[in-house]
PDB file of N, CA and C in Angstrom:
ATOM      1  N   LEU A   1      30.278  27.671   7.363  1.00  0.00           N
ATOM      2  CA  LEU A   1      30.049  25.994   7.760  1.00  0.00           C
ATOM      3  C   LEU A   1      31.192  24.647   7.330  1.00  0.00           C
ATOM      4  N   SER A   2      30.881  23.784   8.457  1.00  0.00           N
ATOM      5  CA  SER A   2      31.778  22.371   8.062  1.00  0.00           C
ATOM      6  C   SER A   2      31.392  22.149   6.076  1.00  0.00           C
ATOM      7  N   LEU A   3      32.110  21.202   6.588  1.00  0.00           N
ATOM      8  CA  LEU A   3      32.836  20.593   5.053  1.00  0.00           C
ATOM      9  C   LEU A   3      31.307  19.344   5.281  1.00  0.00           C
ATOM     10  N   LYS A   4      31.283  18.797   6.281  1.00  0.00           N
ATOM     11  CA  LYS A   4      29.869  17.223   6.195  1.00  0.00           C
ATOM     12  C   LYS A   4      28.383  18.401   6.213  1.00  0.00           C
ATOM     13  N   LYS A   5      28.212  19.719   6.714  1.00  0.00           N
ATOM     14  CA  LYS A   5      26.984  20.106   6.638  1.00  0.00           C
ATOM     15  C   LYS A   5      27.220  21.108   5.451  1.00  0.00           C
ATOM     16  N   LEU A   6      27.898  21.515   4.313  1.00  0.00           N
ATOM     17  CA  LEU A   6      27.614  21.957   2.946  1.00  0.00           C
ATOM     18  C   LEU A   6      27.642  20.560   1.833  1.00  0.00           C
ATOM     19  N   GLU A   7      28.531  19.388   2.513  1.00  0.00           N
ATOM     20  CA  GLU A   7      27.879  18.338   1.745  1.00  0.00           C
ATOM     21  C   GLU A   7      26.621  17.855   1.878  1.00  0.00           C
ATOM     22  N   ALA A   8      26.293  18.213   2.703  1.00  0.00           N
ATOM     23  CA  ALA A   8      24.111  17.439   3.709  1.00  0.00           C
ATOM     24  C   ALA A   8      23.675  18.196   2.285  1.00  0.00           C
ATOM     25  N   GLN A   9      23.836  20.028   2.836  1.00  0.00           N
ATOM     26  CA  GLN A   9      23.090  20.960   2.274  1.00  0.00           C
ATOM     27  C   GLN A   9      23.061  20.692   0.750  1.00  0.00           C
ATOM     28  N   SER A  10      24.122  19.719   0.056  1.00  0.00           N
ATOM     29  CA  SER A  10      24.127  19.871  -1.488  1.00  0.00           C
ATOM     30  C   SER A  10      23.244  17.933  -2.184  1.00  0.00           C
ATOM     31  N   ALA A  11      23.728  17.253  -0.891  1.00  0.00           N
ATOM     32  CA  ALA A  11      22.586  16.086  -0.696  1.00  0.00           C
ATOM     33  C   ALA A  11      21.317  16.386  -0.907  1.00  0.00           C
ATOM     34  N   VAL A  12      21.192  17.464  -0.048  1.00  0.00           N
ATOM     35  CA  VAL A  12      19.301  17.814   0.032  1.00  0.00           C
ATOM     36  C   VAL A  12      18.766  18.476  -1.245  1.00  0.00           C
ATOM     37  N   GLU A  13      19.341  19.771  -1.640  1.00  0.00           N
ATOM     38  CA  GLU A  13      19.575  20.031  -2.818  1.00  0.00           C
ATOM     39  C   GLU A  13      19.572  19.088  -3.856  1.00  0.00           C
ATOM     40  N   CYS A  14      20.637  18.834  -4.284  1.00  0.00           N
ATOM     41  CA  CYS A  14      20.007  17.774  -4.924  1.00  0.00           C
ATOM     42  C   CYS A  14      18.768  16.641  -5.445  1.00  0.00           C
ATOM     43  N   VAL A  15      18.225  16.058  -4.269  1.00  0.00           N
ATOM     44  CA  VAL A  15      17.483  15.676  -4.672  1.00  0.00           C
ATOM     45  C   VAL A  15      16.010  15.968  -4.262  1.00  0.00           C
ATOM     46  N   ILE A  16      15.940  17.245  -3.263  1.00  0.00           N
ATOM     47  CA  ILE A  16      14.849  18.731  -4.529  1.00  0.00           C
ATOM     48  C   ILE A  16      14.784  18.772  -5.436  1.00  0.00           C
ATOM     49  N   SER A  17      15.782  19.177  -6.188  1.00  0.00           N
ATOM     50  CA  SER A  17      15.463  19.149  -7.708  1.00  0.00           C
ATOM     51  C   SER A  17      15.187  17.918  -8.247  1.00  0.00           C
ATOM     52  N   SER A  18      15.446  16.803  -8.296  1.00  0.00           N
ATOM     53  CA  SER A  18      15.830  15.670  -8.821  1.00  0.00           C
ATOM     54  C   SER A  18      14.089  15.274  -8.931  1.00  0.00           C
ATOM     55  N   ILE A  19      13.520  15.495  -7.389  1.00  0.00           N
ATOM     56  CA  ILE A  19      11.736  15.286  -7.573  1.00  0.00           C
ATOM     57  C   ILE A  19      10.852  16.515  -7.849  1.00  0.00           C
ATOM     58  N   THR A  20      11.500  17.778  -8.757  1.00  0.00           N
ATOM     59  CA  THR A  20      11.477  19.084  -9.116  1.00  0.00           C
ATOM     60  C   THR A  20      11.270  18.470 -10.262  1.00  0.00           C
ATOM     61  N   LYS A  21      12.400  18.293 -11.070  1.00  0.00           N
ATOM     62  CA  LYS A  21      11.996  17.749 -11.984  1.00  0.00           C
ATOM     63  C   LYS A  21      11.241  16.591 -13.102  1.00  0.00           C
ATOM     64  N   THR A  22      10.784  15.783 -11.804  1.00  0.00           N
ATOM     65  CA  THR A  22       9.740  14.882 -11.855  1.00  0.00           C
ATOM     66  C   THR A  22       8.994  14.783 -12.657  1.00  0.00           C
ATOM     67  N   LEU A  23       8.705  15.668 -10.890  1.00  0.00           N
ATOM     68  CA  LEU A  23       7.035  16.175 -11.015  1.00  0.00           C
ATOM     69  C   LEU A  23       6.823  17.157 -12.420  1.00  0.00           C
ATOM     70  N   LYS A  24       7.414  18.576 -12.765  1.00  0.00           N
ATOM     71  CA  LYS A  24       7.164  18.548 -13.876  1.00  0.00           C
ATOM     72  C   LYS A  24       6.889  17.782 -14.999  1.00  0.00           C
ATOM     73  N   LYS A  25       7.849  16.972 -15.325  1.00  0.00           N
ATOM     74  CA  LYS A  25       7.218  15.845 -16.614  1.00  0.00           C
ATOM     75  C   LYS A  25       5.685  15.116 -15.854  1.00  0.00           C
ATOM     76  N   GLY A  26       5.448  15.191 -15.016  1.00  0.00           N
ATOM     77  CA  GLY A  26       3.696  14.668 -14.676  1.00  0.00           C
ATOM     78  C   GLY A  26       4.145  13.534 -13.953  1.00  0.00           C
ATOM     79  N   GLU A  27       5.302  13.074 -14.181  1.00  0.00           N
ATOM     80  CA  GLU A  27       5.639  11.166 -13.461  1.00  0.00           C
ATOM     81  C   GLU A  27       5.725  12.234 -11.450  1.00  0.00           C
ATOM     82  N   ASP A  28       5.136  10.863 -10.825  1.00  0.00           N
ATOM     83  CA  ASP A  28       5.349  10.093  -9.741  1.00  0.00           C
ATOM     84  C   ASP A  28       6.835   9.969  -9.563  1.00  0.00           C
ATOM     85  N   VAL A  29       6.832  10.511  -8.131  1.00  0.00           N
ATOM     86  CA  VAL A  29       8.110  10.004  -7.087  1.00  0.00           C
ATOM     87  C   VAL A  29       7.626   9.324  -6.335  1.00  0.00           C
ATOM     88  N   VAL A  30       8.183   8.412  -6.133  1.00  0.00           N
ATOM     89  CA  VAL A  30       8.065   7.965  -4.636  1.00  0.00           C
ATOM     90  C   VAL A  30       9.391   7.070  -4.119  1.00  0.00           C
ATOM     91  N   LEU A  31       9.255   7.630  -3.254  1.00  0.00           N
ATOM     92  CA  LEU A  31      10.156   7.394  -1.510  1.00  0.00           C
ATOM     93  C   LEU A  31       9.830   6.011  -0.801  1.00  0.00           C
ATOM     94  N   THR A  32      10.123   4.575  -0.797  1.00  0.00           N
ATOM     95  CA  THR A  32      10.150   3.604  -0.555  1.00  0.00           C
ATOM     96  C   THR A  32      10.248   3.157   0.368  1.00  0.00           C
ATOM     97  N   GLY A  33       8.987   3.271   1.804  1.00  0.00           N
ATOM     98  CA  GLY A  33       8.680   3.892   3.119  1.00  0.00           C
ATOM     99  C   GLY A  33       8.950   5.144   3.558  1.00  0.00           C
ATOM    100  N   PHE A  34       9.192   6.013   2.878  1.00  0.00           N
ATOM    101  CA  PHE A  34       8.590   7.410   3.065  1.00  0.00           C
ATOM    102  C   PHE A  34       7.522   8.050   2.869  1.00  0.00           C
ATOM    103  N   GLY A  35       6.915   8.184   1.313  1.00  0.00           N
ATOM    104  CA  GLY A  35       5.924   8.309   1.174  1.00  0.00           C
ATOM    105  C   GLY A  35       5.656   8.295  -0.920  1.00  0.00           C
ATOM    106  N   THR A  36       5.425   9.286  -1.292  1.00  0.00           N
ATOM    107  CA  THR A  36       5.294   9.191  -2.758  1.00  0.00           C
ATOM    108  C   THR A  36       4.794  10.840  -3.181  1.00  0.00           C
ATOM    109  N   PHE A  37       5.446  11.330  -4.389  1.00  0.00           N
ATOM    110  CA  PHE A  37       5.271  12.866  -4.196  1.00  0.00           C
ATOM    111  C   PHE A  37       4.223  12.853  -6.213  1.00  0.00           C
ATOM    112  N   LYS A  38       3.633  13.696  -4.889  1.00  0.00           N
ATOM    113  CA  LYS A  38       2.510  13.059  -7.394  1.00  0.00           C
ATOM    114  C   LYS A  38       1.953  14.710  -7.791  1.00  0.00           C
ATOM    115  N   VAL A  39       1.597  14.733  -8.838  1.00  0.00           N
ATOM    116  CA  VAL A  39       1.065  16.068  -9.099  1.00  0.00           C
ATOM    117  C   VAL A  39      -0.464  15.710  -9.488  1.00  0.00           C
ATOM    118  N   VAL A  40      -1.415  16.832  -9.393  1.00  0.00           N
ATOM    119  CA  VAL A  40      -2.521  17.008  -8.771  1.00  0.00           C
ATOM    120  C   VAL A  40      -3.034  17.306  -9.896  1.00  0.00           C
ATOM    121  N   LYS A  41      -4.410  17.628 -10.197  1.00  0.00           N
ATOM    122  CA  LYS A  41      -5.439  18.482 -12.038  1.00  0.00           C
ATOM    123  C   LYS A  41      -6.311  19.537 -10.565  1.00  0.00           C
ATOM    124  N   ARG A  42      -6.317  20.335 -10.263  1.00  0.00           N
ATOM    125  CA  ARG A  42      -7.125  20.790  -9.445  1.00  0.00           C
ATOM    126  C   ARG A  42      -8.450  21.539 -10.866  1.00  0.00           C
ATOM    127  N   LYS A  43      -9.697  21.810 -11.186  1.00  0.00           N
ATOM    128  CA  LYS A  43     -10.355  21.944 -11.767  1.00  0.00           C
ATOM    129  C   LYS A  43     -10.553  23.768 -11.699  1.00  0.00           C
ATOM    130  N   ALA A  44     -11.444  23.979 -12.240  1.00  0.00           N
ATOM    131  CA  ALA A  44     -11.541  25.609 -12.659  1.00  0.00           C
ATOM    132  C   ALA A  44     -12.484  25.216 -11.644  1.00  0.00           C
ATOM    133  N   ARG A  45     -13.041  26.689 -10.180  1.00  0.00           N
ATOM    134  CA  ARG A  45     -14.167  26.913  -9.530  1.00  0.00           C
ATOM    135  C   ARG A  45     -14.003  28.056  -9.450  1.00  0.00           C
ATOM    136  N   LYS A  46     -15.268  28.383  -9.045  1.00  0.00           N
ATOM    137  CA  LYS A  46     -15.616  29.992  -8.295  1.00  0.00           C
ATOM    138  C   LYS A  46     -14.914  29.724  -7.025  1.00  0.00           C
ATOM    139  N   GLY A  47     -14.605  31.391  -6.838  1.00  0.00           N
ATOM    140  CA  GLY A  47     -13.753  31.724  -5.793  1.00  0.00           C
ATOM    141  C   GLY A  47     -14.848  32.907  -4.993  1.00  0.00           C
ATOM    142  N   ARG A  48     -14.355  33.348  -4.311  1.00  0.00           N
ATOM    143  CA  ARG A  48     -15.550  34.383  -3.387  1.00  0.00           C
ATOM    144  C   ARG A  48     -13.907  35.670  -2.922  1.00  0.00           C
ATOM    145  N   ASN A  49     -13.580  37.733  -3.746  1.00  0.00           N
ATOM    146  CA  ASN A  49     -12.217  37.927  -2.967  1.00  0.00           C
ATOM    147  C   ASN A  49     -13.477  38.410  -1.591  1.00  0.00           C
ATOM    148  N   PRO A  50     -12.090  37.568  -0.464  1.00  0.00           N
ATOM    149  CA  PRO A  50     -12.466  38.114   1.172  1.00  0.00           C
ATOM    150  C   PRO A  50     -12.715  39.074   0.980  1.00  0.00           C
ATOM    151  N   TYR A  51     -12.178  40.200   0.029  1.00  0.00           N
ATOM    152  CA  TYR A  51     -11.884  41.758   1.353  1.00  0.00           C
ATOM    153  C   TYR A  51     -13.515  42.653   0.637  1.00  0.00           C
ATOM    154  N   THR A  52     -13.698  41.842  -1.348  1.00  0.00           N
ATOM    155  CA  THR A  52     -14.877  42.968  -1.668  1.00  0.00           C
ATOM    156  C   THR A  52     -15.546  42.285  -1.923  1.00  0.00           C
ATOM    157  N   GLY A  53     -15.532  41.267  -1.566  1.00  0.00           N
ATOM    158  CA  GLY A  53     -16.420  39.861  -1.651  1.00  0.00           C
ATOM    159  C   GLY A  53     -17.252  39.557  -2.901  1.00  0.00           C
ATOM    160  N   GLU A  54     -16.403  39.746  -3.937  1.00  0.00           N
ATOM    161  CA  GLU A  54     -17.129  39.573  -5.233  1.00  0.00           C
ATOM    162  C   GLU A  54     -16.819  38.756  -5.781  1.00  0.00           C
ATOM    163  N   ASP A  55     -18.089  37.883  -6.651  1.00  0.00           N
ATOM    164  CA  ASP A  55     -17.721  36.370  -7.460  1.00  0.00           C
ATOM    165  C   ASP A  55     -16.396  36.037  -8.098  1.00  0.00           C
ATOM    166  N   LEU A  56     -15.883  35.425  -8.306  1.00  0.00           N
ATOM    167  CA  LEU A  56     -14.258  35.426  -9.163  1.00  0.00           C
ATOM    168  C   LEU A  56     -14.550  34.293 -10.100  1.00  0.00           C
ATOM    169  N   LYS A  57     -13.263  34.057 -10.883  1.00  0.00           N
ATOM    170  CA  LYS A  57     -12.878  32.343 -11.367  1.00  0.00           C
ATOM    171  C   LYS A  57     -11.540  32.393 -11.362  1.00  0.00           C
ATOM    172  N   VAL A  58     -11.764  30.978 -10.033  1.00  0.00           N
ATOM    173  CA  VAL A  58     -10.017  31.116 -10.282  1.00  0.00           C
ATOM    174  C   VAL A  58     -10.101  29.071 -11.000  1.00  0.00           C
ATOM    175  N   LYS A  59      -8.764  29.641 -11.619  1.00  0.00           N
ATOM    176  CA  LYS A  59      -7.911  28.399 -13.141  1.00  0.00           C
ATOM    177  C   LYS A  59      -7.667  27.549 -12.779  1.00  0.00           C
ATOM    178  N   ALA A  60      -8.023  26.614 -13.247  1.00  0.00           N
ATOM    179  CA  ALA A  60      -7.712  24.815 -12.977  1.00  0.00           C
ATOM    180  C   ALA A  60      -5.898  25.351 -13.632  1.00  0.00           C
ATOM    181  N   THR A  61      -5.108  24.594 -12.818  1.00  0.00           N
ATOM    182  CA  THR A  61      -4.214  24.469 -12.279  1.00  0.00           C
ATOM    183  C   THR A  61      -3.468  22.916 -11.796  1.00  0.00           C
ATOM    184  N   LYS A  62      -2.672  22.999 -11.370  1.00  0.00           N
ATOM    185  CA  LYS A  62      -1.740  21.615 -11.017  1.00  0.00           C
ATOM    186  C   LYS A  62      -0.918  21.905 -10.077  1.00  0.00           C
ATOM    187  N   ALA A  63      -0.870  21.178  -8.974  1.00  0.00           N
ATOM    188  CA  ALA A  63      -0.179  21.496  -7.588  1.00  0.00           C
ATOM    189  C   ALA A  63       0.107  19.831  -7.283  1.00  0.00           C
ATOM    190  N   PRO A  64       1.186  20.338  -6.203  1.00  0.00           N
ATOM    191  CA  PRO A  64       2.228  18.665  -5.683  1.00  0.00           C
ATOM    192  C   PRO A  64       1.748  18.319  -4.639  1.00  0.00           C
ATOM    193  N   LYS A  65       0.995  17.536  -4.567  1.00  0.00           N
ATOM    194  CA  LYS A  65       0.849  16.488  -3.074  1.00  0.00           C
ATOM    195  C   LYS A  65       1.776  15.526  -2.542  1.00  0.00           C
ATOM    196  N   PHE A  66       1.857  15.260  -1.292  1.00  0.00           N
ATOM    197  CA  PHE A  66       3.026  14.282  -0.771  1.00  0.00           C
ATOM    198  C   PHE A  66       1.246  13.513   0.523  1.00  0.00           C
ATOM    199  N   THR A  67       1.614  12.190  -0.154  1.00  0.00           N
ATOM    200  CA  THR A  67       1.259  10.952   0.800  1.00  0.00           C
ATOM    201  C   THR A  67       2.341  10.654   1.577  1.00  0.00           C
ATOM    202  N   ALA A  68       1.976  10.173   2.473  1.00  0.00           N
ATOM    203  CA  ALA A  68       3.189  10.372   3.424  1.00  0.00           C
ATOM    204  C   ALA A  68       3.412   7.989   3.260  1.00  0.00           C
ATOM    205  N   GLY A  69       4.043   7.347   3.462  1.00  0.00           N
ATOM    206  CA  GLY A  69       4.321   6.312   3.229  1.00  0.00           C
ATOM    207  C   GLY A  69       4.014   5.854   4.692  1.00  0.00           C
ATOM    208  N   LYS A  70       3.812   3.693   4.789  1.00  0.00           N
ATOM    209  CA  LYS A  70       3.391   3.113   5.788  1.00  0.00           C
ATOM    210  C   LYS A  70       4.542   3.336   7.091  1.00  0.00           C
ATOM    211  N   ALA A  71       5.034   3.265   6.500  1.00  0.00           N
ATOM    212  CA  ALA A  71       7.249   3.261   7.461  1.00  0.00           C
ATOM    213  C   ALA A  71       7.038   4.565   8.691  1.00  0.00           C
ATOM    214  N   LEU A  72       6.832   5.946   7.171  1.00  0.00           N
ATOM    215  CA  LEU A  72       5.925   7.522   7.904  1.00  0.00           C
ATOM    216  C   LEU A  72       5.094   7.446   9.087  1.00  0.00           C
ATOM    217  N   LYS A  73       4.443   7.314   8.756  1.00  0.00           N
ATOM    218  CA  LYS A  73       3.190   7.537   9.082  1.00  0.00           C
ATOM    219  C   LYS A  73       3.275   6.237  10.684  1.00  0.00           C
ATOM    220  N   GLU A  74       4.600   5.087  11.061  1.00  0.00           N
ATOM    221  CA  GLU A  74       4.521   4.843  12.006  1.00  0.00           C
ATOM    222  C   GLU A  74       4.941   4.989  12.844  1.00  0.00           C
ATOM    223  N   ALA A  75       5.989   5.828  12.030  1.00  0.00           N
ATOM    224  CA  ALA A  75       7.442   6.033  13.559  1.00  0.00           C
ATOM    225  C   ALA A  75       6.721   7.786  13.259  1.00  0.00           C
ATOM    226  N   VAL A  76       5.264   8.854  13.435  1.00  0.00           N
ATOM    227  CA  VAL A  76       5.220   9.713  14.561  1.00  0.00           C
ATOM    228  C   VAL A  76       3.929   9.352  14.539  1.00  0.00           C
ATOM    229  N   LYS A  77       3.226   8.062  15.514  1.00  0.00           N
ATOM    230  CA  LYS A  77       2.661   7.663  15.573  1.00  0.00           C
ATOM    231  C   LYS A  77       2.708   7.951  17.619  1.00  0.00           C
TER     232      LYS A  77
END
């Protein structure tokens, strides 16, 4: 890889790492004009095994969520 590609790759990995660490703390990450990353809580629920059809319990979890900002939405219209 060229030096510029390595620098770009390093920068992207740094941004992703920072977003991940911030989300682990339970904080939102706002990138103005791009969007917002946040952690949402999903409640426990009943599920069904698609192979056997048996009912099972799905535990409550936390999941990352991304909401696109106005500028990003306008750019892809």
